[in-house]
PDB file of N, CA and C in Angstrom:
ATOM      1  N   UNK A   1       0.838  -1.157   0.013  1.00  0.00           N
ATOM      2  CA  UNK A   1      -0.029  -0.005   0.008  1.00  0.00           C
ATOM      3  C   UNK A   1       0.895   1.237  -0.020  1.00  0.00           C
ATOM      4  N   UNK A   2       0.432   2.283  -0.635  1.00  0.00           N
ATOM      5  CA  UNK A   2       1.188   3.527  -0.702  1.00  0.00           C
ATOM      6  C   UNK A   2       0.607   4.465   0.352  1.00  0.00           C
ATOM      7  N   UNK A   3       1.530   5.143   1.101  1.00  0.00           N
ATOM      8  CA  UNK A   3       1.060   6.080   2.142  1.00  0.00           C
ATOM      9  C   UNK A   3       1.563   7.475   1.742  1.00  0.00           C
ATOM     10  N   UNK A   4       0.784   8.478   2.180  1.00  0.00           N
ATOM     11  CA  UNK A   4       1.134   9.901   1.856  1.00  0.00           C
ATOM     12  C   UNK A   4       2.087  10.386   2.877  1.00  0.00           C
ATOM     13  N   UNK A   5       3.274  10.878   2.424  1.00  0.00           N
ATOM     14  CA  UNK A   5       4.226  11.506   3.265  1.00  0.00           C
ATOM     15  C   UNK A   5       3.887  13.008   3.244  1.00  0.00           C
ATOM     16  N   UNK A   6       3.498  13.582   4.387  1.00  0.00           N
ATOM     17  CA  UNK A   6       3.083  14.958   4.385  1.00  0.00           C
ATOM     18  C   UNK A   6       4.059  15.892   5.034  1.00  0.00           C
ATOM     19  N   UNK A   7       5.092  15.335   5.642  1.00  0.00           N
ATOM     20  CA  UNK A   7       6.113  16.183   6.274  1.00  0.00           C
ATOM     21  C   UNK A   7       7.415  15.395   6.410  1.00  0.00           C
ATOM     22  N   UNK A   8       8.533  16.071   6.159  1.00  0.00           N
ATOM     23  CA  UNK A   8       9.862  15.440   6.304  1.00  0.00           C
ATOM     24  C   UNK A   8      10.746  16.410   7.109  1.00  0.00           C
ATOM     25  N   UNK A   9      11.358  15.893   8.158  1.00  0.00           N
ATOM     26  CA  UNK A   9      12.297  16.697   8.965  1.00  0.00           C
ATOM     27  C   UNK A   9      13.654  16.038   8.982  1.00  0.00           C
ATOM     28  N   UNK A  10      14.667  16.742   8.523  1.00  0.00           N
ATOM     29  CA  UNK A  10      15.999  16.192   8.483  1.00  0.00           C
ATOM     30  C   UNK A  10      16.607  16.195   9.887  1.00  0.00           C
ATOM     31  N   UNK A  11      17.369  15.191  10.196  1.00  0.00           N
ATOM     32  CA  UNK A  11      18.086  15.084  11.459  1.00  0.00           C
ATOM     33  C   UNK A  11      19.549  14.865  11.148  1.00  0.00           C
ATOM     34  N   UNK A  12      20.334  14.522  12.164  1.00  0.00           N
ATOM     35  CA  UNK A  12      21.770  14.302  12.004  1.00  0.00           C
ATOM     36  C   UNK A  12      22.009  12.890  11.372  1.00  0.00           C
ATOM     37  N   UNK A  13      23.207  12.692  10.936  1.00  0.00           N
ATOM     38  CA  UNK A  13      23.687  11.395  10.417  1.00  0.00           C
ATOM     39  C   UNK A  13      22.882  10.889   9.239  1.00  0.00           C
ATOM     40  N   UNK A  14      22.459  11.811   8.302  1.00  0.00           N
ATOM     41  CA  UNK A  14      21.783  11.434   7.087  1.00  0.00           C
ATOM     42  C   UNK A  14      20.487  10.669   7.362  1.00  0.00           C
ATOM     43  N   UNK A  15      19.770  11.081   8.439  1.00  0.00           N
ATOM     44  CA  UNK A  15      18.474  10.502   8.782  1.00  0.00           C
ATOM     45  C   UNK A  15      17.366  11.553   8.715  1.00  0.00           C
ATOM     46  N   UNK A  16      16.167  11.104   8.528  1.00  0.00           N
ATOM     47  CA  UNK A  16      15.039  12.003   8.462  1.00  0.00           C
ATOM     48  C   UNK A  16      13.840  11.394   9.209  1.00  0.00           C
ATOM     49  N   UNK A  17      12.980  12.249   9.730  1.00  0.00           N
ATOM     50  CA  UNK A  17      11.709  11.813  10.239  1.00  0.00           C
ATOM     51  C   UNK A  17      10.652  12.089   9.185  1.00  0.00           C
ATOM     52  N   UNK A  18       9.871  11.094   8.841  1.00  0.00           N
ATOM     53  CA  UNK A  18       8.813  11.220   7.869  1.00  0.00           C
ATOM     54  C   UNK A  18       7.504  11.040   8.593  1.00  0.00           C
ATOM     55  N   UNK A  19       6.623  12.064   8.441  1.00  0.00           N
ATOM     56  CA  UNK A  19       5.279  12.013   8.977  1.00  0.00           C
ATOM     57  C   UNK A  19       4.416  11.471   7.857  1.00  0.00           C
ATOM     58  N   UNK A  20       3.755  10.342   8.112  1.00  0.00           N
ATOM     59  CA  UNK A  20       3.057   9.598   7.095  1.00  0.00           C
ATOM     60  C   UNK A  20       1.606   9.453   7.468  1.00  0.00           C
ATOM     61  N   UNK A  21       0.710   9.702   6.543  1.00  0.00           N
ATOM     62  CA  UNK A  21      -0.709   9.527   6.787  1.00  0.00           C
ATOM     63  C   UNK A  21      -1.027   8.048   6.435  1.00  0.00           C
ATOM     64  N   UNK A  22      -1.434   7.325   7.511  1.00  0.00           N
ATOM     65  CA  UNK A  22      -1.793   5.899   7.365  1.00  0.00           C
ATOM     66  C   UNK A  22      -3.248   5.797   6.844  1.00  0.00           C
ATOM     67  N   UNK A  23      -4.128   6.564   7.440  1.00  0.00           N
ATOM     68  CA  UNK A  23      -5.517   6.650   6.977  1.00  0.00           C
ATOM     69  C   UNK A  23      -6.069   7.994   7.432  1.00  0.00           C
ATOM     70  N   UNK A  24      -7.334   8.213   7.251  1.00  0.00           N
ATOM     71  CA  UNK A  24      -7.937   9.498   7.544  1.00  0.00           C
ATOM     72  C   UNK A  24      -7.766   9.938   8.995  1.00  0.00           C
ATOM     73  N   UNK A  25      -7.629   8.987   9.885  1.00  0.00           N
ATOM     74  CA  UNK A  25      -7.560   9.304  11.311  1.00  0.00           C
ATOM     75  C   UNK A  25      -6.270   9.005  12.000  1.00  0.00           C
ATOM     76  N   UNK A  26      -5.270   8.581  11.251  1.00  0.00           N
ATOM     77  CA  UNK A  26      -4.063   8.139  11.880  1.00  0.00           C
ATOM     78  C   UNK A  26      -2.819   8.589  11.050  1.00  0.00           C
ATOM     79  N   UNK A  27      -1.803   9.047  11.787  1.00  0.00           N
ATOM     80  CA  UNK A  27      -0.531   9.353  11.212  1.00  0.00           C
ATOM     81  C   UNK A  27       0.534   8.540  11.956  1.00  0.00           C
ATOM     82  N   UNK A  28       1.683   8.450  11.308  1.00  0.00           N
ATOM     83  CA  UNK A  28       2.761   7.677  11.894  1.00  0.00           C
ATOM     84  C   UNK A  28       4.099   8.424  11.594  1.00  0.00           C
ATOM     85  N   UNK A  29       4.948   8.378  12.550  1.00  0.00           N
ATOM     86  CA  UNK A  29       6.306   9.036  12.435  1.00  0.00           C
ATOM     87  C   UNK A  29       7.305   7.952  12.201  1.00  0.00           C
ATOM     88  N   UNK A  30       8.015   7.953  11.075  1.00  0.00           N
ATOM     89  CA  UNK A  30       8.983   6.995  10.717  1.00  0.00           C
ATOM     90  C   UNK A  30      10.396   7.664  10.621  1.00  0.00           C
ATOM     91  N   UNK A  31      11.330   7.050  11.248  1.00  0.00           N
ATOM     92  CA  UNK A  31      12.723   7.562  11.126  1.00  0.00           C
ATOM     93  C   UNK A  31      13.495   6.606  10.136  1.00  0.00           C
ATOM     94  N   UNK A  32      14.011   7.206   9.098  1.00  0.00           N
ATOM     95  CA  UNK A  32      14.675   6.470   8.052  1.00  0.00           C
ATOM     96  C   UNK A  32      15.799   7.344   7.439  1.00  0.00           C
ATOM     97  N   UNK A  33      16.480   6.717   6.531  1.00  0.00           N
ATOM     98  CA  UNK A  33      17.567   7.412   5.853  1.00  0.00           C
ATOM     99  C   UNK A  33      16.960   8.549   5.035  1.00  0.00           C
ATOM    100  N   UNK A  34      17.705   9.645   4.951  1.00  0.00           N
ATOM    101  CA  UNK A  34      17.254  10.803   4.192  1.00  0.00           C
ATOM    102  C   UNK A  34      17.079  10.468   2.720  1.00  0.00           C
ATOM    103  N   UNK A  35      17.702   9.419   2.246  1.00  0.00           N
ATOM    104  CA  UNK A  35      17.539   9.027   0.870  1.00  0.00           C
ATOM    105  C   UNK A  35      16.512   7.900   0.652  1.00  0.00           C
ATOM    106  N   UNK A  36      15.657   7.675   1.716  1.00  0.00           N
ATOM    107  CA  UNK A  36      14.649   6.612   1.575  1.00  0.00           C
ATOM    108  C   UNK A  36      13.642   6.997   0.470  1.00  0.00           C
ATOM    109  N   UNK A  37      13.215   5.999  -0.236  1.00  0.00           N
ATOM    110  CA  UNK A  37      12.222   6.165  -1.316  1.00  0.00           C
ATOM    111  C   UNK A  37      10.802   5.943  -0.758  1.00  0.00           C
ATOM    112  N   UNK A  38       9.848   6.292  -1.579  1.00  0.00           N
ATOM    113  CA  UNK A  38       8.484   6.073  -1.168  1.00  0.00           C
ATOM    114  C   UNK A  38       8.231   4.643  -0.874  1.00  0.00           C
ATOM    115  N   UNK A  39       8.835   3.701  -1.675  1.00  0.00           N
ATOM    116  CA  UNK A  39       8.703   2.241  -1.410  1.00  0.00           C
ATOM    117  C   UNK A  39       9.305   1.892  -0.069  1.00  0.00           C
ATOM    118  N   UNK A  40      10.433   2.485   0.261  1.00  0.00           N
ATOM    119  CA  UNK A  40      11.041   2.189   1.572  1.00  0.00           C
ATOM    120  C   UNK A  40      10.145   2.598   2.709  1.00  0.00           C
ATOM    121  N   UNK A  41       9.584   3.777   2.622  1.00  0.00           N
ATOM    122  CA  UNK A  41       8.667   4.279   3.682  1.00  0.00           C
ATOM    123  C   UNK A  41       7.438   3.418   3.780  1.00  0.00           C
ATOM    124  N   UNK A  42       6.846   3.020   2.590  1.00  0.00           N
ATOM    125  CA  UNK A  42       5.734   2.154   2.572  1.00  0.00           C
ATOM    126  C   UNK A  42       6.001   0.867   3.233  1.00  0.00           C
ATOM    127  N   UNK A  43       7.204   0.293   3.055  1.00  0.00           N
ATOM    128  CA  UNK A  43       7.587  -0.981   3.656  1.00  0.00           C
ATOM    129  C   UNK A  43       7.682  -0.815   5.175  1.00  0.00           C
ATOM    130  N   UNK A  44       8.336   0.322   5.630  1.00  0.00           N
ATOM    131  CA  UNK A  44       8.393   0.559   7.086  1.00  0.00           C
ATOM    132  C   UNK A  44       7.036   0.581   7.722  1.00  0.00           C
ATOM    133  N   UNK A  45       6.141   1.331   7.067  1.00  0.00           N
ATOM    134  CA  UNK A  45       4.757   1.504   7.645  1.00  0.00           C
ATOM    135  C   UNK A  45       4.076   0.151   7.685  1.00  0.00           C
ATOM    136  N   UNK A  46       4.183  -0.610   6.586  1.00  0.00           N
ATOM    137  CA  UNK A  46       3.507  -1.956   6.517  1.00  0.00           C
ATOM    138  C   UNK A  46       4.070  -2.883   7.560  1.00  0.00           C
ATOM    139  N   UNK A  47       5.386  -2.802   7.765  1.00  0.00           N
ATOM    140  CA  UNK A  47       6.012  -3.651   8.824  1.00  0.00           C
ATOM    141  C   UNK A  47       5.539  -3.286  10.213  1.00  0.00           C
ATOM    142  N   UNK A  48       5.470  -1.985  10.489  1.00  0.00           N
ATOM    143  CA  UNK A  48       4.987  -1.571  11.822  1.00  0.00           C
ATOM    144  C   UNK A  48       3.575  -1.903  12.056  1.00  0.00           C
ATOM    145  N   UNK A  49       2.691  -1.752  11.009  1.00  0.00           N
ATOM    146  CA  UNK A  49       1.302  -2.081  11.176  1.00  0.00           C
ATOM    147  C   UNK A  49       1.094  -3.569  11.400  1.00  0.00           C
ATOM    148  N   UNK A  50       1.908  -4.413  10.680  1.00  0.00           N
ATOM    149  CA  UNK A  50       1.834  -5.854  10.873  1.00  0.00           C
ATOM    150  C   UNK A  50       2.247  -6.237  12.285  1.00  0.00           C
ATOM    151  N   UNK A  51       3.285  -5.585  12.805  1.00  0.00           N
ATOM    152  CA  UNK A  51       3.762  -5.841  14.159  1.00  0.00           C
ATOM    153  C   UNK A  51       2.747  -5.449  15.154  1.00  0.00           C
ATOM    154  N   UNK A  52       2.060  -4.302  14.955  1.00  0.00           N
ATOM    155  CA  UNK A  52       1.001  -3.871  15.897  1.00  0.00           C
ATOM    156  C   UNK A  52      -0.156  -4.846  15.840  1.00  0.00           C
ATOM    157  N   UNK A  53      -0.514  -5.299  14.645  1.00  0.00           N
ATOM    158  CA  UNK A  53      -1.629  -6.261  14.569  1.00  0.00           C
ATOM    159  C   UNK A  53      -1.295  -7.551  15.263  1.00  0.00           C
ATOM    160  N   UNK A  54      -0.109  -8.039  15.110  1.00  0.00           N
ATOM    161  CA  UNK A  54       0.302  -9.312  15.756  1.00  0.00           C
ATOM    162  C   UNK A  54       0.254  -9.094  17.255  1.00  0.00           C
ATOM    163  N   UNK A  55       0.707  -7.939  17.754  1.00  0.00           N
ATOM    164  CA  UNK A  55       0.633  -7.698  19.179  1.00  0.00           C
ATOM    165  C   UNK A  55      -0.832  -7.671  19.716  1.00  0.00           C
ATOM    166  N   UNK A  56      -1.726  -7.006  18.949  1.00  0.00           N
ATOM    167  CA  UNK A  56      -3.119  -6.968  19.310  1.00  0.00           C
ATOM    168  C   UNK A  56      -3.729  -8.375  19.327  1.00  0.00           C
ATOM    169  N   UNK A  57      -3.386  -9.192  18.354  1.00  0.00           N
ATOM    170  CA  UNK A  57      -3.937 -10.552  18.291  1.00  0.00           C
ATOM    171  C   UNK A  57      -3.451 -11.317  19.504  1.00  0.00           C
ATOM    172  N   UNK A  58      -2.188 -11.143  19.913  1.00  0.00           N
ATOM    173  CA  UNK A  58      -1.612 -11.832  21.085  1.00  0.00           C
ATOM    174  C   UNK A  58      -2.394 -11.414  22.334  1.00  0.00           C
ATOM    175  N   UNK A  59      -2.619 -10.100  22.462  1.00  0.00           N
ATOM    176  CA  UNK A  59      -3.346  -9.604  23.660  1.00  0.00           C
ATOM    177  C   UNK A  59      -4.770 -10.191  23.678  1.00  0.00           C
ATOM    178  N   UNK A  60      -5.445 -10.231  22.525  1.00  0.00           N
ATOM    179  CA  UNK A  60      -6.807 -10.787  22.468  1.00  0.00           C
ATOM    180  C   UNK A  60      -6.782 -12.276  22.865  1.00  0.00           C
ATOM    181  N   UNK A  61      -5.793 -13.018  22.439  1.00  0.00           N
ATOM    182  CA  UNK A  61      -5.675 -14.435  22.812  1.00  0.00           C
ATOM    183  C   UNK A  61      -5.442 -14.635  24.277  1.00  0.00           C
ATOM    184  N   UNK A  62      -4.564 -13.747  24.845  1.00  0.00           N
ATOM    185  CA  UNK A  62      -4.285 -13.832  26.256  1.00  0.00           C
ATOM    186  C   UNK A  62      -5.568 -13.528  27.066  1.00  0.00           C
ATOM    187  N   UNK A  63      -6.339 -12.559  26.593  1.00  0.00           N
ATOM    188  CA  UNK A  63      -7.600 -12.217  27.261  1.00  0.00           C
ATOM    189  C   UNK A  63      -8.643 -13.382  27.182  1.00  0.00           C
ATOM    190  N   UNK A  64      -8.712 -13.963  26.017  1.00  0.00           N
ATOM    191  CA  UNK A  64      -9.588 -15.126  25.830  1.00  0.00           C
ATOM    192  C   UNK A  64      -9.156 -16.293  26.689  1.00  0.00           C
ATOM    193  N   UNK A  65      -7.867 -16.563  26.768  1.00  0.00           N
ATOM    194  CA  UNK A  65      -7.343 -17.666  27.566  1.00  0.00           C
ATOM    195  C   UNK A  65      -7.632 -17.398  29.063  1.00  0.00           C
ATOM    196  N   UNK A  66      -7.485 -16.164  29.500  1.00  0.00           N
ATOM    197  CA  UNK A  66      -7.723 -15.832  30.925  1.00  0.00           C
ATOM    198  C   UNK A  66      -9.218 -15.990  31.232  1.00  0.00           C
ATOM    199  N   UNK A  67     -10.058 -15.609  30.306  1.00  0.00           N
ATOM    200  CA  UNK A  67     -11.560 -15.724  30.487  1.00  0.00           C
ATOM    201  C   UNK A  67     -11.895 -17.241  30.575  1.00  0.00           C
ATOM    202  N   UNK A  68     -11.291 -18.048  29.710  1.00  0.00           N
ATOM    203  CA  UNK A  68     -11.546 -19.463  29.741  1.00  0.00           C
ATOM    204  C   UNK A  68     -11.083 -20.113  31.031  1.00  0.00           C
ATOM    205  N   UNK A  69      -9.875 -19.698  31.480  1.00  0.00           N
ATOM    206  CA  UNK A  69      -9.362 -20.252  32.747  1.00  0.00           C
ATOM    207  C   UNK A  69     -10.270 -19.892  33.892  1.00  0.00           C
ATOM    208  N   UNK A  70     -10.772 -18.647  33.899  1.00  0.00           N
ATOM    209  CA  UNK A  70     -11.663 -18.220  34.987  1.00  0.00           C
ATOM    210  C   UNK A  70     -12.953 -18.994  34.963  1.00  0.00           C
ATOM    211  N   UNK A  71     -13.455 -19.242  33.745  1.00  0.00           N
ATOM    212  CA  UNK A  71     -14.688 -20.080  33.574  1.00  0.00           C
ATOM    213  C   UNK A  71     -14.457 -21.484  34.204  1.00  0.00           C
ATOM    214  N   UNK A  72     -13.288 -22.004  33.961  1.00  0.00           N
ATOM    215  CA  UNK A  72     -12.962 -23.369  34.443  1.00  0.00           C
ATOM    216  C   UNK A  72     -12.499 -23.385  35.864  1.00  0.00           C
ATOM    217  N   UNK A  73     -12.398 -22.189  36.445  1.00  0.00           N
ATOM    218  CA  UNK A  73     -11.927 -22.006  37.797  1.00  0.00           C
ATOM    219  C   UNK A  73     -10.498 -22.554  38.032  1.00  0.00           C
ATOM    220  N   UNK A  74      -9.652 -22.309  37.029  1.00  0.00           N
ATOM    221  CA  UNK A  74      -8.254 -22.728  37.047  1.00  0.00           C
ATOM    222  C   UNK A  74      -7.329 -21.543  37.398  1.00  0.00           C
ATOM    223  N   UNK A  75      -7.912 -20.484  37.959  1.00  0.00           N
ATOM    224  CA  UNK A  75      -7.112 -19.309  38.254  1.00  0.00           C
ATOM    225  C   UNK A  75      -6.612 -19.350  39.645  1.00  0.00           C
TER     226      UNK A  75
END
Protein backbone atom coordinates (compact mmCIF):
# COMPACT_ATOMS: atom_id res chain seq x y z
CA UNK A 1 0.00 0.00 0.00
CA UNK A 2 1.20 3.52 -0.68
CA UNK A 3 1.07 6.07 2.13
CA UNK A 4 1.13 9.86 1.84
CA UNK A 5 4.24 11.52 3.29
CA UNK A 6 3.07 14.96 4.37
CA UNK A 7 6.13 16.19 6.27
CA UNK A 8 9.85 15.46 6.34
CA UNK A 9 12.29 16.69 8.97
CA UNK A 10 16.02 16.20 8.48
CA UNK A 11 18.08 15.07 11.46
CA UNK A 12 21.76 14.29 11.97
CA UNK A 13 23.67 11.40 10.42
CA UNK A 14 21.77 11.42 7.10
CA UNK A 15 18.48 10.48 8.77
CA UNK A 16 15.02 12.03 8.50
CA UNK A 17 11.70 11.81 10.26
CA UNK A 18 8.82 11.20 7.87
CA UNK A 19 5.28 12.03 8.97
CA UNK A 20 3.07 9.59 7.11
CA UNK A 21 -0.71 9.52 6.78
CA UNK A 22 -1.80 5.92 7.36
CA UNK A 23 -5.51 6.64 6.99
CA UNK A 24 -7.95 9.51 7.56
CA UNK A 25 -7.59 9.33 11.33
CA UNK A 26 -4.03 8.14 11.88
CA UNK A 27 -0.53 9.36 11.19
CA UNK A 28 2.77 7.67 11.92
CA UNK A 29 6.29 9.03 12.43
CA UNK A 30 8.99 7.00 10.70
CA UNK A 31 12.73 7.54 11.13
CA UNK A 32 14.68 6.45 8.06
CA UNK A 33 17.55 7.40 5.83
CA UNK A 34 17.28 10.81 4.19
CA UNK A 35 17.55 9.00 0.87
CA UNK A 36 14.63 6.64 1.59
CA UNK A 37 12.24 6.17 -1.30
CA UNK A 38 8.45 6.07 -1.19
CA UNK A 39 8.72 2.27 -1.42
CA UNK A 40 11.07 2.19 1.59
CA UNK A 41 8.67 4.29 3.67
CA UNK A 42 5.70 2.15 2.58
CA UNK A 43 7.60 -0.97 3.65
CA UNK A 44 8.42 0.55 7.07
CA UNK A 45 4.77 1.49 7.64
CA UNK A 46 3.53 -1.94 6.51
CA UNK A 47 6.03 -3.65 8.82
CA UNK A 48 5.01 -1.55 11.82
CA UNK A 49 1.29 -2.08 11.15
CA UNK A 50 1.84 -5.85 10.87
CA UNK A 51 3.76 -5.82 14.16
CA UNK A 52 1.00 -3.85 15.88
CA UNK A 53 -1.65 -6.25 14.56
CA UNK A 54 0.33 -9.27 15.76
CA UNK A 55 0.62 -7.70 19.21
CA UNK A 56 -3.12 -6.96 19.34
CA UNK A 57 -3.92 -10.54 18.31
CA UNK A 58 -1.61 -11.81 21.07
CA UNK A 59 -3.36 -9.62 23.66
CA UNK A 60 -6.80 -10.78 22.48
CA UNK A 61 -5.69 -14.43 22.78
CA UNK A 62 -4.30 -13.82 26.27
CA UNK A 63 -7.60 -12.22 27.29
CA UNK A 64 -9.61 -15.11 25.84
CA UNK A 65 -7.35 -17.65 27.58
CA UNK A 66 -7.74 -15.82 30.90
CA UNK A 67 -11.52 -15.75 30.51
CA UNK A 68 -11.55 -19.47 29.73
CA UNK A 69 -9.36 -20.25 32.74
CA UNK A 70 -11.65 -18.20 34.97
CA UNK A 71 -14.67 -20.09 33.59
CA UNK A 72 -12.96 -23.36 34.42
CA UNK A 73 -11.91 -22.01 37.82
CA UNK A 74 -8.25 -22.70 37.05
CA UNK A 75 -7.10 -19.30 38.21
